[in-house]
C-alpha atoms as a PDB file:
ATOM      1  CA  MET A   1     -76.243 -77.258  21.441  1.00  0.00           C
ATOM      2  CA  SER A   2     -72.668 -76.663  20.366  1.00  0.00           C
ATOM      3  CA  LYS A   3     -71.354 -73.462  18.833  1.00  0.00           C
ATOM      4  CA  GLU A   4     -70.630 -75.263  15.570  1.00  0.00           C
ATOM      5  CA  ASN A   5     -74.357 -75.923  15.046  1.00  0.00           C
ATOM      6  CA  ILE A   6     -75.452 -72.331  15.595  1.00  0.00           C
ATOM      7  CA  LYS A   7     -75.947 -70.121  12.549  1.00  0.00           C
ATOM      8  CA  GLU A   8     -75.444 -66.463  13.358  1.00  0.00           C
ATOM      9  CA  LEU A   9     -78.248 -64.159  12.235  1.00  0.00           C
ATOM     10  CA  HIS A  10     -78.646 -60.403  12.446  1.00  0.00           C
ATOM     11  CA  PHE A  11     -81.755 -58.241  12.499  1.00  0.00           C
ATOM     12  CA  SER A  12     -82.487 -56.750   9.095  1.00  0.00           C
ATOM     13  CA  ASP A  13     -83.712 -53.162   8.915  1.00  0.00           C
ATOM     14  CA  GLN A  14     -87.168 -54.626   8.233  1.00  0.00           C
ATOM     15  CA  ALA A  15     -87.034 -56.780  11.381  1.00  0.00           C
ATOM     16  CA  LEU A  16     -85.907 -53.824  13.496  1.00  0.00           C
ATOM     17  CA  GLY A  17     -88.779 -51.805  12.040  1.00  0.00           C
ATOM     18  CA  ALA A  18     -91.194 -54.599  12.970  1.00  0.00           C
ATOM     19  CA  VAL A  19     -89.911 -54.573  16.564  1.00  0.00           C
ATOM     20  CA  MET A  20     -90.293 -50.792  16.696  1.00  0.00           C
ATOM     21  CA  MET A  21     -93.841 -51.038  15.286  1.00  0.00           C
ATOM     22  CA  ALA A  22     -94.667 -53.641  17.943  1.00  0.00           C
ATOM     23  CA  LEU A  23     -93.389 -51.230  20.592  1.00  0.00           C
ATOM     24  CA  GLN A  24     -95.437 -48.343  19.155  1.00  0.00           C
ATOM     25  CA  LYS A  25     -98.523 -50.563  19.008  1.00  0.00           C
ATOM     26  CA  SER A  26     -98.149 -51.655  22.625  1.00  0.00           C
ATOM     27  CA  LEU A  27     -97.612 -48.066  23.777  1.00  0.00           C
ATOM     28  CA  LEU A  28    -100.578 -46.687  21.838  1.00  0.00           C
ATOM     29  CA  GLU A  29    -102.884 -49.492  22.929  1.00  0.00           C
ATOM     30  CA  GLN A  30    -101.362 -49.696  26.430  1.00  0.00           C
ATOM     31  CA  SER A  31    -100.976 -53.441  25.930  1.00  0.00           C
ATOM     32  CA  ASP A  32     -98.296 -56.053  26.551  1.00  0.00           C
ATOM     33  CA  ILE A  33     -95.676 -56.286  23.799  1.00  0.00           C
ATOM     34  CA  VAL A  34     -94.717 -59.896  24.603  1.00  0.00           C
ATOM     35  CA  PRO A  35     -97.609 -61.623  22.744  1.00  0.00           C
ATOM     36  CA  VAL A  36     -96.884 -59.551  19.637  1.00  0.00           C
ATOM     37  CA  LEU A  37     -93.186 -60.452  19.683  1.00  0.00           C
ATOM     38  CA  LYS A  38     -93.951 -64.124  20.366  1.00  0.00           C
ATOM     39  CA  SER A  39     -96.311 -64.223  17.374  1.00  0.00           C
ATOM     40  CA  PHE A  40     -93.606 -63.054  14.933  1.00  0.00           C
ATOM     41  CA  LYS A  41     -92.951 -65.506  12.110  1.00  0.00           C
ATOM     42  CA  LEU A  42     -89.250 -65.199  11.319  1.00  0.00           C
ATOM     43  CA  ALA A  43     -87.206 -66.152   8.266  1.00  0.00           C
ATOM     44  CA  ASP A  44     -83.546 -66.169   7.338  1.00  0.00           C
ATOM     45  CA  ASN A  45     -82.861 -63.936   4.350  1.00  0.00           C
ATOM     46  CA  GLY A  46     -79.212 -64.675   3.687  1.00  0.00           C
ATOM     47  CA  GLY A  47     -78.080 -64.155   7.272  1.00  0.00           C
ATOM     48  CA  ASP A  48     -80.516 -61.329   7.949  1.00  0.00           C
ATOM     49  CA  LEU A  49     -83.569 -62.049  10.045  1.00  0.00           C
ATOM     50  CA  VAL A  50     -86.865 -60.838   8.581  1.00  0.00           C
ATOM     51  CA  VAL A  51     -90.366 -60.774  10.078  1.00  0.00           C
ATOM     52  CA  LEU A  52     -92.969 -62.319   7.791  1.00  0.00           C
ATOM     53  CA  ASN A  53     -95.945 -60.917   9.713  1.00  0.00           C
ATOM     54  CA  PRO A  54     -95.031 -57.454  11.017  1.00  0.00           C
ATOM     55  CA  PRO A  55     -97.633 -55.738  13.192  1.00  0.00           C
ATOM     56  CA  VAL A  56    -100.032 -53.203  11.767  1.00  0.00           C
ATOM     57  CA  VAL A  57    -100.502 -50.028  13.762  1.00  0.00           C
ATOM     58  CA  LYS A  58    -103.800 -48.268  13.195  1.00  0.00           C
ATOM     59  CA  VAL A  59    -104.029 -44.683  14.393  1.00  0.00           C
ATOM     60  CA  ASN A  60    -107.240 -42.704  14.397  1.00  0.00           C
ATOM     61  CA  HIS A  61    -107.442 -38.952  13.989  1.00  0.00           C
ATOM     62  CA  GLY A  62    -107.660 -38.266  17.740  1.00  0.00           C
ATOM     63  CA  ASP A  63    -104.498 -40.270  18.374  1.00  0.00           C
ATOM     64  CA  MET A  64    -102.637 -38.276  15.728  1.00  0.00           C
ATOM     65  CA  GLU A  65    -103.644 -35.006  17.394  1.00  0.00           C
ATOM     66  CA  THR A  66    -102.424 -36.285  20.769  1.00  0.00           C
ATOM     67  CA  LEU A  67     -99.113 -37.404  19.266  1.00  0.00           C
ATOM     68  CA  SER A  68     -98.672 -34.074  17.467  1.00  0.00           C
ATOM     69  CA  GLN A  69     -99.335 -32.118  20.658  1.00  0.00           C
ATOM     70  CA  ALA A  70     -96.897 -34.248  22.617  1.00  0.00           C
ATOM     71  CA  THR A  71     -94.103 -33.650  20.118  1.00  0.00           C
ATOM     72  CA  THR A  72     -94.695 -29.893  19.873  1.00  0.00           C
ATOM     73  CA  GLU A  73     -94.792 -29.425  23.661  1.00  0.00           C
ATOM     74  CA  GLU A  74     -91.240 -30.729  24.141  1.00  0.00           C
END
């Protein structure tokens, strides 16, 4: 593949948010992030990369308490 055939794309704020949500999800669930990233459906939005299927992070009440305690202890 030559450089002339490559279209340069950049992460949009939405795509960066999707990556960060995937990271949060993998940390909270103690799971591998790779399958989540590989499942991303990507689109070009005028040179900005967007994720069409960003991950959903579900947090229950107990998780929120744990996260709150961790941030207040620092």
